[in-house]
Amino acid sequence: MTRHGVRRIVPLLLGWEELPKSVSVHGAPYEERVREPVPAVLLECDGGWLLLDTGFNTALLRDPALRRRFYGSPHYRPILPGPGEPLEEALDAAGIPMDAIHAVAVSHLHADHAGGLKHFAGRVPVHVQREELAYGLSGRPEVERNSIFRVDFDDPRIDWQQADGDVELAPGVTAVLTAGHTPGHQSFVVDLAGGGGFVFAFDAADLTENIEHERPIGASIGVDPESTVEPIRRLKRLAAERGFELIPGHDPVVWPELTRRLRMPGV
């Protein structure tokens, strides 16, 4: 019997961000800074590739006026990996054409995760939690202050597929509601066809210490920081029950190591 599941995982690096560690770990000294990777994940599923997250909107970074408008804080510095579109360059390096992507899922609508949705408007379905999209399109003034930029995703051509909680996106891929960082943040459980799998926390847990020491994340919307620990515990339980590896969303050690490991022959 053929086991249904994901046949291949390709981690992508779409940039970096330099920021106070307190954004990722509640209570960390504000003066302590980290350089975190901006990741995405390609999953080879039945029917084609599913992309998890899309990186920055390069237009908001390369145009000086737009950069001042959206990224004016001196405390946060986004960094692009090359001169072109990060997603196109990463796909080219992996030997995977853009039109091979048959669906996209966004963990949440923060600018470092939803900025590349412009590549998929009018092309493929985009999976999101209903509560996340409603918040992003609400027009409330604090939305942009929380680094959710409506210009990244307010496009009538986007084919939104909205979920209310946990949902299977493809054989072997389940989106898991882990709200707290944002109102509809979702993480992903990935079951490999050859056995084993991964739980991708994304921003439910930025760093290894969020997971190992159950440290609250530093940035949350609508909840107190301590409330962000329960989604971390839920992901830990899911990973332990399945024997899967739990991957934090922006860890500067874990992400390069995972990329190296998954690119090795036979992995």
Protein backbone atom coordinates (compact mmCIF):
# COMPACT_ATOMS: atom_id res chain seq x y z
CA MET A 1 0.00 0.00 0.00
CA THR A 2 1.29 3.45 -0.95
CA ARG A 3 1.67 5.80 1.98
CA HIS A 4 0.10 9.19 1.33
CA GLY A 5 2.12 12.15 2.43
CA VAL A 6 4.63 14.77 1.41
CA ARG A 7 7.34 13.43 -0.88
CA ARG A 8 9.90 16.19 -0.48
CA ILE A 9 10.57 19.29 1.63
CA VAL A 10 12.61 22.22 0.32
CA PRO A 11 13.40 24.96 2.88
CA LEU A 12 13.82 28.43 1.37
CA LEU A 13 15.62 31.48 2.72
CA LEU A 14 13.93 34.71 1.63
CA GLY A 15 15.92 37.23 3.65
CA TRP A 16 16.87 38.20 7.17
CA GLU A 17 15.70 40.65 9.80
CA GLU A 18 17.76 42.33 12.50
CA LEU A 19 15.66 43.16 15.53
CA PRO A 20 15.58 43.16 19.33
CA LYS A 21 15.49 39.64 20.74
CA SER A 22 12.56 40.78 22.90
CA VAL A 23 10.37 40.62 19.78
CA SER A 24 10.88 36.84 19.77
CA VAL A 25 11.31 36.15 23.49
CA HIS A 26 9.22 38.07 25.99
CA GLY A 27 11.38 39.62 28.67
CA ALA A 28 14.68 39.43 26.79
CA PRO A 29 16.82 42.56 27.22
CA TYR A 30 15.76 45.09 24.60
CA GLU A 31 19.36 45.96 23.76
CA GLU A 32 20.12 42.32 22.83
CA ARG A 33 19.71 41.97 19.08
CA VAL A 34 19.44 38.97 16.77
CA ARG A 35 19.69 38.40 13.03
CA GLU A 36 16.91 36.00 12.17
CA PRO A 37 16.25 34.19 8.88
CA VAL A 38 13.02 34.81 6.96
CA PRO A 39 11.96 31.31 5.92
CA ALA A 40 9.51 29.63 3.60
CA VAL A 41 8.89 25.94 2.99
CA LEU A 42 8.08 24.10 -0.24
CA LEU A 43 6.26 20.79 0.08
CA GLU A 44 5.95 18.36 -2.82
CA CYS A 45 2.41 17.02 -2.44
CA ASP A 46 0.03 15.07 -4.63
CA GLY A 47 -0.75 17.38 -7.53
CA GLY A 48 2.20 19.74 -7.19
CA TRP A 49 4.08 21.97 -4.80
CA LEU A 50 2.53 23.69 -1.79
CA LEU A 51 4.34 26.81 -0.57
CA LEU A 52 4.24 27.83 3.09
CA ASP A 53 4.83 31.60 3.43
CA THR A 54 6.18 34.07 0.89
CA GLY A 55 8.65 36.53 2.46
CA PHE A 56 8.79 40.31 2.02
CA ASN A 57 7.15 42.60 -0.51
CA THR A 58 10.31 43.89 -2.17
CA ALA A 59 8.60 47.04 -3.48
CA LEU A 60 8.20 48.30 0.08
CA LEU A 61 11.91 47.85 0.73
CA ARG A 62 13.53 49.02 -2.49
CA ASP A 63 11.57 52.22 -3.01
CA PRO A 64 13.04 54.80 -0.58
CA ALA A 65 9.73 56.55 0.08
CA LEU A 66 7.88 53.29 0.68
CA ARG A 67 10.64 52.01 2.93
CA ARG A 68 10.38 55.14 5.08
CA ARG A 69 6.60 54.75 5.12
CA PHE A 70 6.46 51.08 6.14
CA TYR A 71 9.87 50.38 7.71
CA GLY A 72 10.70 53.67 9.36
CA SER A 73 11.70 52.24 12.74
CA PRO A 74 15.48 52.31 13.36
CA HIS A 75 15.11 49.24 15.59
CA TYR A 76 14.02 46.82 12.85
CA ARG A 77 16.08 46.19 9.72
CA PRO A 78 14.82 43.87 6.98
CA ILE A 79 17.47 42.50 4.61
CA LEU A 80 16.93 41.00 1.16
CA PRO A 81 19.25 38.20 0.00
CA GLY A 82 19.91 39.43 -3.53
CA PRO A 83 19.10 41.99 -6.21
CA GLY A 84 15.98 40.29 -7.57
CA GLU A 85 12.79 38.83 -6.17
CA PRO A 86 13.80 36.56 -3.27
CA LEU A 87 11.16 33.94 -3.98
CA GLU A 88 12.03 33.74 -7.67
CA GLU A 89 15.74 33.51 -6.88
CA ALA A 90 15.22 30.81 -4.24
CA LEU A 91 13.03 28.75 -6.54
CA ASP A 92 15.54 29.09 -9.35
CA ALA A 93 18.33 27.89 -7.06
CA ALA A 94 16.19 24.88 -6.10
CA GLY A 95 15.37 24.13 -9.75
CA ILE A 96 11.62 24.51 -9.21
CA PRO A 97 9.62 26.76 -11.56
CA MET A 98 7.15 29.22 -10.08
CA ASP A 99 4.30 27.72 -12.09
CA ALA A 100 4.89 24.34 -10.39
CA ILE A 101 3.42 25.82 -7.19
CA HIS A 102 -0.24 24.78 -7.12
CA ALA A 103 -1.23 26.30 -3.76
CA VAL A 104 0.07 28.64 -1.06
CA ALA A 105 -0.59 28.77 2.68
CA VAL A 106 0.39 31.68 4.88
CA SER A 107 1.09 31.16 8.56
CA HIS A 108 -0.08 34.74 9.14
CA LEU A 109 -0.16 38.13 7.46
CA HIS A 110 2.91 39.83 8.93
CA ALA A 111 5.00 41.62 6.32
CA ASP A 112 7.85 39.08 6.39
CA HIS A 113 5.45 36.22 5.62
CA ALA A 114 2.74 37.62 3.32
CA GLY A 115 4.71 40.11 1.23
CA GLY A 116 5.25 37.70 -1.66
CA LEU A 117 1.55 36.99 -2.21
CA LYS A 118 1.73 39.36 -5.21
CA HIS A 119 3.29 36.46 -7.15
CA PHE A 120 0.15 34.34 -6.76
CA ALA A 121 -2.79 36.72 -7.18
CA GLY A 122 -5.08 35.27 -9.84
CA ARG A 123 -2.98 32.11 -10.10
CA VAL A 124 -3.43 29.63 -7.23
CA PRO A 125 -5.50 29.17 -4.04
CA VAL A 126 -4.11 30.81 -0.89
CA HIS A 127 -4.94 29.19 2.46
CA VAL A 128 -5.41 31.41 5.51
CA GLN A 129 -7.34 31.38 8.76
CA ARG A 130 -10.59 33.35 8.49
CA GLU A 131 -9.87 35.29 11.68
CA GLU A 132 -6.46 36.33 10.35
CA LEU A 133 -7.82 37.71 7.09
CA ALA A 134 -10.69 39.47 8.84
CA TYR A 135 -8.25 41.23 11.14
CA GLY A 136 -5.94 42.17 8.27
CA LEU A 137 -8.78 43.70 6.26
CA SER A 138 -10.56 45.27 9.24
CA GLY A 139 -9.20 48.76 8.63
CA ARG A 140 -8.40 49.17 12.32
CA PRO A 141 -5.53 51.65 12.77
CA GLU A 142 -3.45 49.33 14.92
CA VAL A 143 -3.24 46.67 12.19
CA GLU A 144 -0.46 48.43 10.32
CA ARG A 145 1.29 49.31 13.58
CA ASN A 146 1.36 45.56 14.18
CA SER A 147 3.35 45.09 10.93
CA ILE A 148 0.43 43.76 8.90
CA PHE A 149 0.40 45.79 5.69
CA ARG A 150 -2.87 45.64 3.79
CA VAL A 151 -1.11 46.52 0.54
CA ASP A 152 0.54 43.07 0.67
CA PHE A 153 -2.68 41.08 0.41
CA ASP A 154 -5.72 43.28 -0.33
CA ASP A 155 -6.07 42.08 -3.93
CA PRO A 156 -9.43 40.88 -5.29
CA ARG A 157 -7.62 38.40 -7.52
CA ILE A 158 -6.36 36.36 -4.57
CA ASP A 159 -8.31 33.10 -4.29
CA TRP A 160 -8.59 32.92 -0.52
CA GLN A 161 -9.34 29.55 1.05
CA GLN A 162 -10.39 30.44 4.59
CA ALA A 163 -10.31 27.99 7.47
CA ASP A 164 -11.86 28.09 10.92
CA GLY A 165 -9.34 26.11 12.94
CA ASP A 166 -7.35 23.00 12.05
CA VAL A 167 -7.68 21.81 8.46
CA GLU A 168 -5.98 19.37 6.09
CA LEU A 169 -4.52 21.32 3.17
CA ALA A 170 -3.20 18.34 1.23
CA PRO A 171 -2.47 14.68 1.98
CA GLY A 172 0.13 14.84 4.73
CA VAL A 173 -0.20 18.57 5.45
CA THR A 174 -2.39 19.93 8.25
CA ALA A 175 -2.71 23.57 9.24
CA VAL A 176 -3.02 23.92 13.02
CA LEU A 177 -4.51 27.04 14.59
CA THR A 178 -1.94 28.59 16.96
CA ALA A 179 -3.41 32.05 17.50
CA GLY A 180 -1.71 34.53 19.79
CA HIS A 181 1.14 36.00 17.80
CA THR A 182 -1.64 37.16 15.48
CA PRO A 183 -5.41 36.51 15.70
CA GLY A 184 -5.32 33.66 13.18
CA HIS A 185 -1.73 32.41 13.17
CA GLN A 186 -1.41 28.83 11.93
CA SER A 187 1.43 26.32 12.13
CA PHE A 188 1.81 23.20 9.97
CA VAL A 189 2.16 19.47 10.64
CA VAL A 190 3.90 17.71 7.73
CA ASP A 191 3.70 13.92 7.39
CA LEU A 192 6.33 12.48 5.03
CA ALA A 193 5.40 9.72 2.61
CA GLY A 194 8.55 7.82 3.54
CA GLY A 195 7.84 8.03 7.28
CA GLY A 196 8.51 10.66 9.91
CA GLY A 197 7.72 14.31 9.59
CA PHE A 198 8.00 17.83 10.93
CA VAL A 199 5.95 20.39 12.79
CA PHE A 200 6.70 23.89 11.49
CA ALA A 201 5.84 26.34 14.26
CA PHE A 202 6.50 29.49 12.25
CA ASP A 203 5.93 32.45 14.57
CA ALA A 204 4.12 30.53 17.29
CA ALA A 205 7.72 29.92 18.44
CA ASP A 206 10.49 31.95 16.82
CA LEU A 207 13.47 30.45 18.62
CA THR A 208 14.54 27.15 20.17
CA GLU A 209 14.32 28.66 23.66
CA ASN A 210 10.64 29.47 23.11
CA ILE A 211 10.15 25.72 22.69
CA GLU A 212 12.64 24.16 25.08
CA HIS A 213 12.02 26.58 27.97
CA GLU A 214 8.41 27.46 27.01
CA ARG A 215 9.27 31.15 26.91
CA PRO A 216 6.41 33.39 25.73
CA ILE A 217 6.93 35.07 22.40
CA GLY A 218 7.55 38.78 22.52
CA ALA A 219 5.00 39.96 19.97
CA SER A 220 1.32 39.12 20.33
CA ILE A 221 -1.98 40.67 19.26
CA GLY A 222 -5.02 40.73 21.50
CA VAL A 223 -3.58 38.46 24.19
CA ASP A 224 -1.05 38.82 27.00
CA PRO A 225 2.40 37.29 26.38
CA GLU A 226 1.82 34.37 28.78
CA SER A 227 -1.10 33.22 26.62
CA THR A 228 1.34 32.46 23.80
CA VAL A 229 2.82 29.57 25.76
CA GLU A 230 -0.19 27.28 25.31
CA PRO A 231 0.14 27.14 21.49
CA ILE A 232 3.80 26.22 22.01
CA ARG A 233 2.79 23.42 24.36
CA ARG A 234 0.20 22.20 21.89
CA LEU A 235 2.81 22.00 19.12
CA LYS A 236 5.17 20.16 21.46
CA ARG A 237 2.43 17.63 22.22
CA LEU A 238 1.65 17.13 18.53
CA ALA A 239 5.33 16.63 17.73
CA ALA A 240 5.84 14.19 20.61
CA GLU A 241 2.73 12.16 19.74
CA ARG A 242 3.89 11.73 16.15
CA GLY A 243 7.60 11.50 16.82
CA PHE A 244 8.12 14.55 14.59
CA GLU A 245 10.72 17.29 14.85
CA LEU A 246 9.41 20.70 15.93
CA ILE A 247 11.01 23.53 13.95
CA PRO A 248 10.97 27.10 15.33
CA GLY A 249 10.10 29.83 12.87
CA HIS A 250 13.11 32.16 12.85
CA ASP A 251 15.94 30.39 14.64
CA PRO A 252 19.32 31.47 13.18
CA VAL A 253 20.93 28.12 14.07
CA VAL A 254 18.11 25.66 13.39
CA TRP A 255 17.08 26.99 9.98
CA PRO A 256 20.49 26.76 8.23
CA GLU A 257 21.08 23.34 9.78
CA LEU A 258 17.69 22.07 8.60
CA THR A 259 18.35 23.42 5.12
CA ARG A 260 21.71 21.66 4.97
CA ARG A 261 20.24 18.41 6.22
CA LEU A 262 17.27 18.32 3.85
CA ARG A 263 19.48 19.03 0.86
CA MET A 264 21.66 16.00 1.55
CA PRO A 265 21.16 13.08 -0.87
CA GLY A 266 18.66 10.54 0.38
CA VAL A 267 17.02 12.86 2.89
